[in-house]
N, C-alpha and C. Protein backbone atom coordinates (compact mmCIF):
# COMPACT_ATOMS: atom_id res chain seq x y z
N MET A 1 84.77 148.99 134.60
CA MET A 1 84.76 149.91 135.95
C MET A 1 85.22 151.50 135.66
N VAL A 2 84.44 152.24 136.30
CA VAL A 2 84.70 153.97 136.28
C VAL A 2 85.32 153.98 137.55
N ARG A 3 86.50 154.70 137.51
CA ARG A 3 87.21 155.00 138.78
C ARG A 3 87.02 156.66 138.93
N VAL A 4 86.67 157.10 140.10
CA VAL A 4 86.38 158.44 140.58
C VAL A 4 87.32 158.58 141.69
N LEU A 5 88.23 159.72 141.59
CA LEU A 5 89.35 159.94 142.71
C LEU A 5 88.94 161.38 143.10
N PHE A 6 88.47 161.80 144.13
CA PHE A 6 88.36 163.05 144.78
C PHE A 6 89.83 163.43 145.53
N VAL A 7 89.96 164.66 145.36
CA VAL A 7 91.38 165.29 145.75
C VAL A 7 91.12 166.73 146.51
N CYS A 8 91.89 166.78 147.39
CA CYS A 8 91.95 168.03 148.16
C CYS A 8 93.43 168.22 148.80
N LEU A 9 93.47 169.03 149.61
CA LEU A 9 95.01 169.48 150.13
C LEU A 9 95.37 168.23 151.24
N GLY A 10 94.71 167.95 152.19
CA GLY A 10 94.93 167.09 153.21
C GLY A 10 94.41 165.82 153.24
N ASN A 11 93.29 165.49 152.47
CA ASN A 11 92.55 164.44 152.44
C ASN A 11 91.89 164.19 153.91
N ILE A 12 91.62 164.96 154.68
CA ILE A 12 90.75 164.84 155.93
C ILE A 12 89.20 165.78 156.12
N CYS A 13 89.15 166.54 155.20
CA CYS A 13 87.91 167.34 155.31
C CYS A 13 87.01 167.17 153.98
N ARG A 14 87.46 167.59 152.91
CA ARG A 14 86.68 167.80 151.59
C ARG A 14 86.73 166.44 150.72
N SER A 15 87.78 166.09 150.53
CA SER A 15 87.86 164.88 149.59
C SER A 15 87.17 163.65 150.15
N PRO A 16 87.45 163.26 151.63
CA PRO A 16 86.69 162.11 152.15
C PRO A 16 85.36 162.50 152.18
N MET A 17 84.82 163.69 152.46
CA MET A 17 83.51 163.99 152.59
C MET A 17 82.98 163.69 151.24
N ALA A 18 83.41 164.09 149.99
CA ALA A 18 82.96 163.76 148.69
C ALA A 18 83.12 162.61 148.49
N GLU A 19 84.13 161.60 148.77
CA GLU A 19 84.11 160.22 148.62
C GLU A 19 82.93 159.65 149.42
N ALA A 20 82.75 159.92 150.74
CA ALA A 20 81.48 159.26 151.21
C ALA A 20 80.25 159.57 150.81
N ILE A 21 80.02 160.87 150.33
CA ILE A 21 78.74 161.21 149.67
C ILE A 21 78.49 160.60 148.42
N PHE A 22 79.57 160.72 147.46
CA PHE A 22 79.43 160.00 146.23
C PHE A 22 79.14 158.40 146.19
N GLN A 23 79.91 157.80 147.17
CA GLN A 23 79.84 156.42 147.39
C GLN A 23 78.29 156.21 147.84
N ARG A 24 77.83 156.91 148.64
CA ARG A 24 76.24 156.49 148.87
C ARG A 24 75.30 156.93 147.80
N LEU A 25 75.62 157.86 146.96
CA LEU A 25 75.00 158.15 145.87
C LEU A 25 75.10 156.92 144.63
N VAL A 26 76.17 156.41 144.73
CA VAL A 26 76.52 155.48 143.73
C VAL A 26 75.74 154.05 144.33
N ASP A 27 75.92 153.91 145.36
CA ASP A 27 75.51 152.62 145.98
C ASP A 27 73.82 152.98 145.86
N ASP A 28 72.99 154.12 146.15
CA ASP A 28 71.59 154.18 145.80
C ASP A 28 71.34 154.06 144.48
N ALA A 29 71.99 154.30 143.55
CA ALA A 29 71.68 154.16 142.35
C ALA A 29 71.97 152.73 141.46
N GLY A 30 72.33 151.79 142.66
CA GLY A 30 72.60 150.57 142.20
C GLY A 30 73.85 150.25 141.16
N LEU A 31 74.81 151.28 141.40
CA LEU A 31 76.11 151.04 140.45
C LEU A 31 77.50 150.72 141.34
N THR A 32 77.14 150.03 142.59
CA THR A 32 78.36 149.90 143.50
C THR A 32 79.40 148.86 142.58
N GLY A 33 79.15 147.90 141.77
CA GLY A 33 80.06 147.38 140.89
C GLY A 33 80.60 147.95 139.75
N GLU A 34 80.14 148.90 139.53
CA GLU A 34 80.42 149.73 138.33
C GLU A 34 81.36 150.91 138.55
N VAL A 35 81.34 151.47 139.60
CA VAL A 35 81.95 152.80 139.78
C VAL A 35 82.68 152.51 141.14
N GLN A 36 83.87 152.96 141.09
CA GLN A 36 84.94 152.73 141.98
C GLN A 36 85.38 153.99 142.58
N VAL A 37 85.04 154.35 144.06
CA VAL A 37 85.27 155.70 144.64
C VAL A 37 86.52 155.78 145.53
N ASP A 38 87.30 156.87 145.58
CA ASP A 38 88.64 156.74 146.43
C ASP A 38 88.60 158.40 146.68
N SER A 39 89.67 158.69 147.51
CA SER A 39 90.18 160.23 147.63
C SER A 39 91.47 160.20 148.08
N ALA A 40 92.25 161.27 147.93
CA ALA A 40 93.64 161.53 148.36
C ALA A 40 93.97 163.08 148.54
N GLY A 41 95.06 163.35 149.06
CA GLY A 41 95.38 164.56 149.40
C GLY A 41 96.52 164.80 148.61
N THR A 42 96.83 166.07 148.15
CA THR A 42 97.92 166.48 147.41
C THR A 42 99.21 166.66 148.10
N SER A 43 99.08 166.89 149.57
CA SER A 43 99.96 166.93 150.58
C SER A 43 100.09 165.66 151.28
N ALA A 44 101.20 165.69 152.17
CA ALA A 44 101.36 164.35 153.19
C ALA A 44 100.95 164.80 154.71
N TYR A 45 100.54 166.00 154.84
CA TYR A 45 100.27 166.53 156.04
C TYR A 45 99.73 165.64 157.20
N HIS A 46 98.58 164.96 156.64
CA HIS A 46 97.76 163.95 157.53
C HIS A 46 97.57 162.58 157.05
N VAL A 47 98.50 162.13 156.42
CA VAL A 47 98.77 160.64 155.90
C VAL A 47 98.59 159.70 157.11
N GLY A 48 97.43 158.90 157.04
CA GLY A 48 97.19 157.81 158.11
C GLY A 48 96.01 158.27 159.08
N GLU A 49 95.79 159.58 159.03
CA GLU A 49 94.72 160.03 159.94
C GLU A 49 93.38 159.87 159.47
N GLN A 50 92.34 159.74 160.60
CA GLN A 50 90.86 159.84 160.23
C GLN A 50 90.54 160.96 159.70
N ALA A 51 89.34 161.00 159.07
CA ALA A 51 88.92 162.38 158.57
C ALA A 51 88.62 163.28 159.73
N HIS A 52 88.60 164.54 159.51
CA HIS A 52 88.44 165.47 160.44
C HIS A 52 87.16 165.25 161.19
N PRO A 53 87.15 165.60 162.51
CA PRO A 53 85.84 165.32 163.47
C PRO A 53 84.37 166.18 162.73
N GLY A 54 84.81 167.26 162.19
CA GLY A 54 83.72 167.96 161.49
C GLY A 54 83.13 167.28 160.22
N THR A 55 84.24 166.74 159.47
CA THR A 55 83.62 165.84 158.44
C THR A 55 82.63 164.83 158.82
N ARG A 56 83.21 163.88 159.82
CA ARG A 56 82.61 162.59 160.40
C ARG A 56 81.21 163.08 161.03
N ARG A 57 81.41 164.15 161.73
CA ARG A 57 80.06 164.86 162.38
C ARG A 57 78.96 165.09 161.42
N VAL A 58 79.37 165.66 160.34
CA VAL A 58 78.35 166.20 159.31
C VAL A 58 77.74 164.93 158.58
N LEU A 59 78.83 164.16 158.03
CA LEU A 59 78.27 162.71 157.40
C LEU A 59 77.53 162.07 158.36
N ALA A 60 77.78 161.71 159.64
CA ALA A 60 76.98 160.88 160.56
C ALA A 60 75.40 161.51 160.43
N ARG A 61 75.54 162.81 160.57
CA ARG A 61 74.19 163.64 160.70
C ARG A 61 73.25 163.16 159.47
N HIS A 62 73.89 163.01 158.30
CA HIS A 62 73.21 162.56 157.21
C HIS A 62 73.12 161.15 156.74
N GLY A 63 73.45 160.27 157.96
CA GLY A 63 73.34 158.71 157.67
C GLY A 63 74.58 158.20 157.04
N ILE A 64 75.45 158.93 156.77
CA ILE A 64 76.66 158.22 155.95
C ILE A 64 77.81 158.14 156.93
N GLN A 65 78.40 156.56 156.98
CA GLN A 65 79.20 156.36 157.85
C GLN A 65 80.76 156.46 156.90
N TYR A 66 81.86 156.87 157.53
CA TYR A 66 83.05 156.84 156.83
C TYR A 66 84.26 156.62 157.76
N SER A 67 84.96 155.54 157.33
CA SER A 67 86.02 155.25 158.05
C SER A 67 87.54 155.05 157.44
N GLY A 68 87.37 155.58 156.35
CA GLY A 68 88.83 156.00 155.43
C GLY A 68 89.76 156.68 156.28
N ARG A 69 91.01 156.31 155.79
CA ARG A 69 92.30 157.25 156.48
C ARG A 69 92.92 158.11 155.19
N ALA A 70 93.39 159.15 155.60
CA ALA A 70 94.02 160.02 154.57
C ALA A 70 95.21 159.31 153.99
N ARG A 71 95.37 159.61 152.85
CA ARG A 71 96.42 159.23 152.17
C ARG A 71 97.07 160.20 150.90
N GLN A 72 98.15 160.11 150.61
CA GLN A 72 98.48 161.16 149.54
C GLN A 72 98.57 160.73 148.21
N LEU A 73 98.26 161.50 147.17
CA LEU A 73 98.15 161.34 145.84
C LEU A 73 99.54 160.69 145.41
N THR A 74 99.32 159.39 144.50
CA THR A 74 100.45 158.95 144.00
C THR A 74 100.30 159.00 142.24
N GLY A 75 101.46 158.66 141.91
CA GLY A 75 101.72 158.77 140.43
C GLY A 75 100.63 157.61 139.75
N GLY A 76 100.62 156.56 140.34
CA GLY A 76 99.39 155.64 140.13
C GLY A 76 98.01 155.88 140.14
N ASP A 77 97.85 157.01 140.84
CA ASP A 77 96.25 157.42 140.80
C ASP A 77 95.77 158.19 139.35
N ALA A 78 96.67 158.52 138.48
CA ALA A 78 96.57 158.85 137.25
C ALA A 78 96.74 157.86 136.34
N ALA A 79 97.26 156.74 136.64
CA ALA A 79 97.67 155.90 135.66
C ALA A 79 96.36 154.91 135.14
N GLY A 80 96.52 154.30 134.29
CA GLY A 80 95.50 153.34 133.65
C GLY A 80 93.99 154.05 133.49
N ASP A 81 93.07 153.47 133.93
CA ASP A 81 91.74 153.94 133.78
C ASP A 81 91.04 154.74 134.75
N ALA A 82 92.02 155.70 135.51
CA ALA A 82 91.40 156.65 136.19
C ALA A 82 90.48 157.38 135.41
N ALA A 83 89.41 157.46 135.46
CA ALA A 83 88.41 158.27 134.61
C ALA A 83 88.05 159.77 134.88
N TYR A 84 87.97 159.93 136.23
CA TYR A 84 87.75 161.33 136.74
C TYR A 84 88.77 161.46 137.77
N LEU A 85 89.24 162.60 137.80
CA LEU A 85 90.20 163.20 138.82
C LEU A 85 89.59 164.26 139.24
N ILE A 86 88.83 164.36 140.42
CA ILE A 86 87.94 165.41 140.87
C ILE A 86 88.73 166.33 142.04
N ALA A 87 88.87 167.55 141.71
CA ALA A 87 89.41 168.48 142.59
C ALA A 87 88.57 169.37 143.39
N MET A 88 88.96 169.72 144.42
CA MET A 88 87.79 170.49 145.34
C MET A 88 88.05 172.04 144.90
N ASP A 89 89.28 172.49 144.60
CA ASP A 89 89.08 173.82 144.42
C ASP A 89 90.12 174.13 143.21
N SER A 90 90.59 175.18 142.55
CA SER A 90 91.39 175.61 141.69
C SER A 90 92.81 175.34 141.84
N GLU A 91 93.15 175.40 143.22
CA GLU A 91 94.41 175.13 143.56
C GLU A 91 94.66 173.69 143.60
N ASN A 92 93.72 172.94 143.87
CA ASN A 92 93.93 171.32 143.70
C ASN A 92 94.06 171.01 142.21
N VAL A 93 93.26 171.81 141.27
CA VAL A 93 93.16 171.49 139.86
C VAL A 93 94.99 171.79 139.64
N ALA A 94 95.48 172.92 139.80
CA ALA A 94 96.68 173.41 139.49
C ALA A 94 97.82 172.16 140.10
N ASP A 95 97.56 171.81 141.15
CA ASP A 95 98.52 170.65 141.62
C ASP A 95 98.42 169.48 140.75
N LEU A 96 97.07 169.00 140.44
CA LEU A 96 97.01 167.81 139.67
C LEU A 96 97.72 168.06 138.14
N GLN A 97 97.49 169.38 137.66
CA GLN A 97 98.13 169.47 136.57
C GLN A 97 99.83 169.60 136.43
N ARG A 98 100.05 170.15 137.63
CA ARG A 98 101.65 170.11 137.56
C ARG A 98 102.12 168.68 137.68
N ARG A 99 101.29 167.69 138.27
CA ARG A 99 101.79 166.31 138.49
C ARG A 99 101.55 165.42 137.28
N PHE A 100 100.40 165.86 136.57
CA PHE A 100 99.86 164.87 135.61
C PHE A 100 99.81 165.53 134.22
N GLY A 101 100.05 167.10 134.22
CA GLY A 101 99.88 167.50 132.97
C GLY A 101 98.57 167.80 132.53
N GLU A 102 98.26 168.62 131.66
CA GLU A 102 96.86 168.90 131.19
C GLU A 102 96.25 167.79 130.78
N ASP A 103 95.33 167.38 131.71
CA ASP A 103 94.74 165.92 131.49
C ASP A 103 93.05 166.20 131.39
N ALA A 104 92.33 165.73 130.55
CA ALA A 104 91.11 165.82 130.28
C ALA A 104 90.23 165.19 131.34
N ARG A 105 90.88 164.34 132.31
CA ARG A 105 90.20 163.71 133.30
C ARG A 105 90.18 164.41 134.56
N ILE A 106 90.82 165.61 134.40
CA ILE A 106 90.74 166.66 135.82
C ILE A 106 89.77 167.40 135.56
N HIS A 107 89.10 167.63 136.68
CA HIS A 107 87.87 168.46 137.04
C HIS A 107 87.60 169.00 138.29
N ARG A 108 86.96 170.43 138.38
CA ARG A 108 86.48 170.74 139.69
C ARG A 108 85.34 170.34 139.89
N LEU A 109 85.03 169.88 141.26
CA LEU A 109 83.82 169.16 141.48
C LEU A 109 82.61 169.95 141.25
N LEU A 110 82.73 171.38 141.63
CA LEU A 110 81.58 172.16 141.48
C LEU A 110 81.14 172.61 140.20
N ASP A 111 82.14 172.47 139.17
CA ASP A 111 81.71 172.51 137.80
C ASP A 111 80.40 171.61 137.51
N PHE A 112 80.40 170.45 138.19
CA PHE A 112 79.23 169.70 137.98
C PHE A 112 78.09 170.11 138.70
N ALA A 113 78.13 171.01 139.74
CA ALA A 113 76.95 171.51 140.62
C ALA A 113 75.99 172.38 139.93
N GLY A 114 74.57 171.89 140.16
CA GLY A 114 73.56 172.54 139.44
C GLY A 114 72.72 173.68 140.22
N HIS A 115 73.27 173.80 141.64
CA HIS A 115 72.71 174.66 142.44
C HIS A 115 73.33 175.81 143.07
N THR A 116 74.46 176.20 142.59
CA THR A 116 75.33 177.05 143.30
C THR A 116 76.31 177.79 142.16
N PRO A 117 76.67 179.16 142.33
CA PRO A 117 77.53 179.71 141.28
C PRO A 117 78.91 179.55 141.97
N VAL A 118 79.13 178.95 143.09
CA VAL A 118 80.42 178.85 143.56
C VAL A 118 81.18 177.76 142.75
N ARG A 119 82.59 177.79 142.58
CA ARG A 119 83.06 176.80 141.95
C ARG A 119 84.39 176.07 142.64
N ASP A 120 84.70 176.79 143.84
CA ASP A 120 85.78 175.98 144.65
C ASP A 120 85.15 175.64 145.68
N VAL A 121 85.11 174.62 146.43
CA VAL A 121 84.66 174.10 147.74
C VAL A 121 85.60 174.83 148.75
N PRO A 122 85.12 175.49 149.54
CA PRO A 122 86.17 176.26 150.85
C PRO A 122 86.58 175.09 151.65
N ASP A 123 87.79 175.24 152.00
CA ASP A 123 88.49 174.34 153.18
C ASP A 123 87.92 174.76 154.34
N PRO A 124 86.97 173.72 155.16
CA PRO A 124 86.55 173.76 156.41
C PRO A 124 87.30 173.76 157.58
N TYR A 125 88.53 173.41 157.36
CA TYR A 125 89.56 172.99 158.18
C TYR A 125 89.62 174.19 159.27
N TYR A 126 89.70 175.46 159.08
CA TYR A 126 89.93 176.45 159.81
C TYR A 126 88.40 177.26 160.41
N SER A 127 87.66 177.03 159.21
CA SER A 127 86.30 177.83 159.55
C SER A 127 85.43 177.36 159.98
N ASP A 128 85.30 175.83 160.16
CA ASP A 128 84.36 174.92 160.89
C ASP A 128 83.01 175.03 160.17
N ASN A 129 83.11 175.47 158.62
CA ASN A 129 81.70 175.42 158.19
C ASN A 129 81.47 174.36 157.06
N PHE A 130 81.52 173.29 158.01
CA PHE A 130 81.28 171.79 157.26
C PHE A 130 79.77 171.66 156.73
N ASP A 131 78.80 172.24 157.33
CA ASP A 131 77.40 172.00 156.88
C ASP A 131 77.68 172.77 155.53
N TYR A 132 77.95 173.78 155.54
CA TYR A 132 77.93 174.66 154.20
C TYR A 132 78.87 173.60 153.03
N VAL A 133 79.86 173.59 153.58
CA VAL A 133 80.66 172.40 152.53
C VAL A 133 80.00 171.09 152.26
N TYR A 134 79.18 170.72 153.02
CA TYR A 134 78.60 169.35 152.80
C TYR A 134 77.37 169.59 151.72
N ARG A 135 76.71 170.86 151.70
CA ARG A 135 75.63 171.03 150.78
C ARG A 135 76.38 171.27 149.30
N LEU A 136 77.35 172.05 149.44
CA LEU A 136 77.98 172.26 148.13
C LEU A 136 78.70 170.94 147.60
N VAL A 137 79.33 169.93 148.37
CA VAL A 137 79.73 168.86 147.82
C VAL A 137 78.45 167.86 147.36
N GLU A 138 77.54 167.75 148.18
CA GLU A 138 76.44 166.89 147.79
C GLU A 138 75.89 167.50 146.32
N ASP A 139 75.54 168.95 146.23
CA ASP A 139 75.34 169.21 144.98
C ASP A 139 76.41 168.91 143.64
N GLY A 140 77.42 169.07 143.95
CA GLY A 140 78.32 168.71 142.83
C GLY A 140 78.56 167.04 142.67
N CYS A 141 78.49 166.27 143.69
CA CYS A 141 78.30 164.85 143.69
C CYS A 141 77.10 164.44 142.71
N GLN A 142 75.92 165.07 143.06
CA GLN A 142 74.89 164.61 142.18
C GLN A 142 74.97 164.97 141.00
N GLY A 143 75.56 166.10 140.58
CA GLY A 143 75.87 166.62 139.03
C GLY A 143 77.00 165.76 138.42
N LEU A 144 77.91 165.16 139.28
CA LEU A 144 79.10 164.36 138.78
C LEU A 144 78.35 162.98 138.42
N LEU A 145 77.55 162.43 139.32
CA LEU A 145 76.98 161.26 138.99
C LEU A 145 75.97 161.21 137.57
N GLN A 146 75.57 162.50 137.58
CA GLN A 146 74.60 162.59 136.29
C GLN A 146 75.47 162.69 134.98
N ALA A 147 76.49 163.31 135.14
CA ALA A 147 77.57 163.28 134.23
C ALA A 147 78.18 162.17 133.73
N ILE A 148 78.55 161.19 134.62
CA ILE A 148 79.18 159.84 134.68
C ILE A 148 78.07 159.09 133.84
N ARG A 149 77.02 158.89 134.32
CA ARG A 149 75.98 158.16 133.58
C ARG A 149 75.83 158.50 132.08
N ALA A 150 75.68 159.96 131.85
CA ALA A 150 75.53 160.25 130.45
C ALA A 150 76.76 159.89 129.70
N ASP A 151 78.09 160.17 130.21
CA ASP A 151 79.31 159.89 129.49
C ASP A 151 79.46 158.31 129.36
N THR A 152 78.95 157.58 129.90
CA THR A 152 79.28 156.13 130.35
C THR A 152 78.03 155.23 129.59
N GLY A 153 77.03 155.80 129.78
CA GLY A 153 75.75 155.01 129.48
C GLY A 153 75.36 154.04 130.70
N LEU A 154 75.79 154.19 131.94
CA LEU A 154 75.41 153.51 133.06
C LEU A 154 74.15 153.99 133.78
């Protein structure tokens, strides 16, 4: 089982969006039993809350349902077979490295993107640019799935 954990600051905008998009890609590829998808935040600001309304709206417009609740990253998230810890931006990467050290499993999502020179997914919490973030996250998720398939032979 390949585990993929998407990480952002509060786990209500970017990482749940990535989780939902990536889960759809995994399901569409027939890999549901092979890949486990989750998300978490580096902070406890929004623990227990639903995804941001902007995230839920943009996902719904693309036919993707999401009902998860925000949670904070734990030490167990990097234990065992967590194959991919996917950060939304360089600050999230730094947070993950402070917690777990220099770990080859830590990546920025947009390092897998094929159609944008941008490397940090901007936080839409204040800017309300959820459509732009959706496009970036979708591009990164498509590239990530290709990389996982190449790495694992799925």
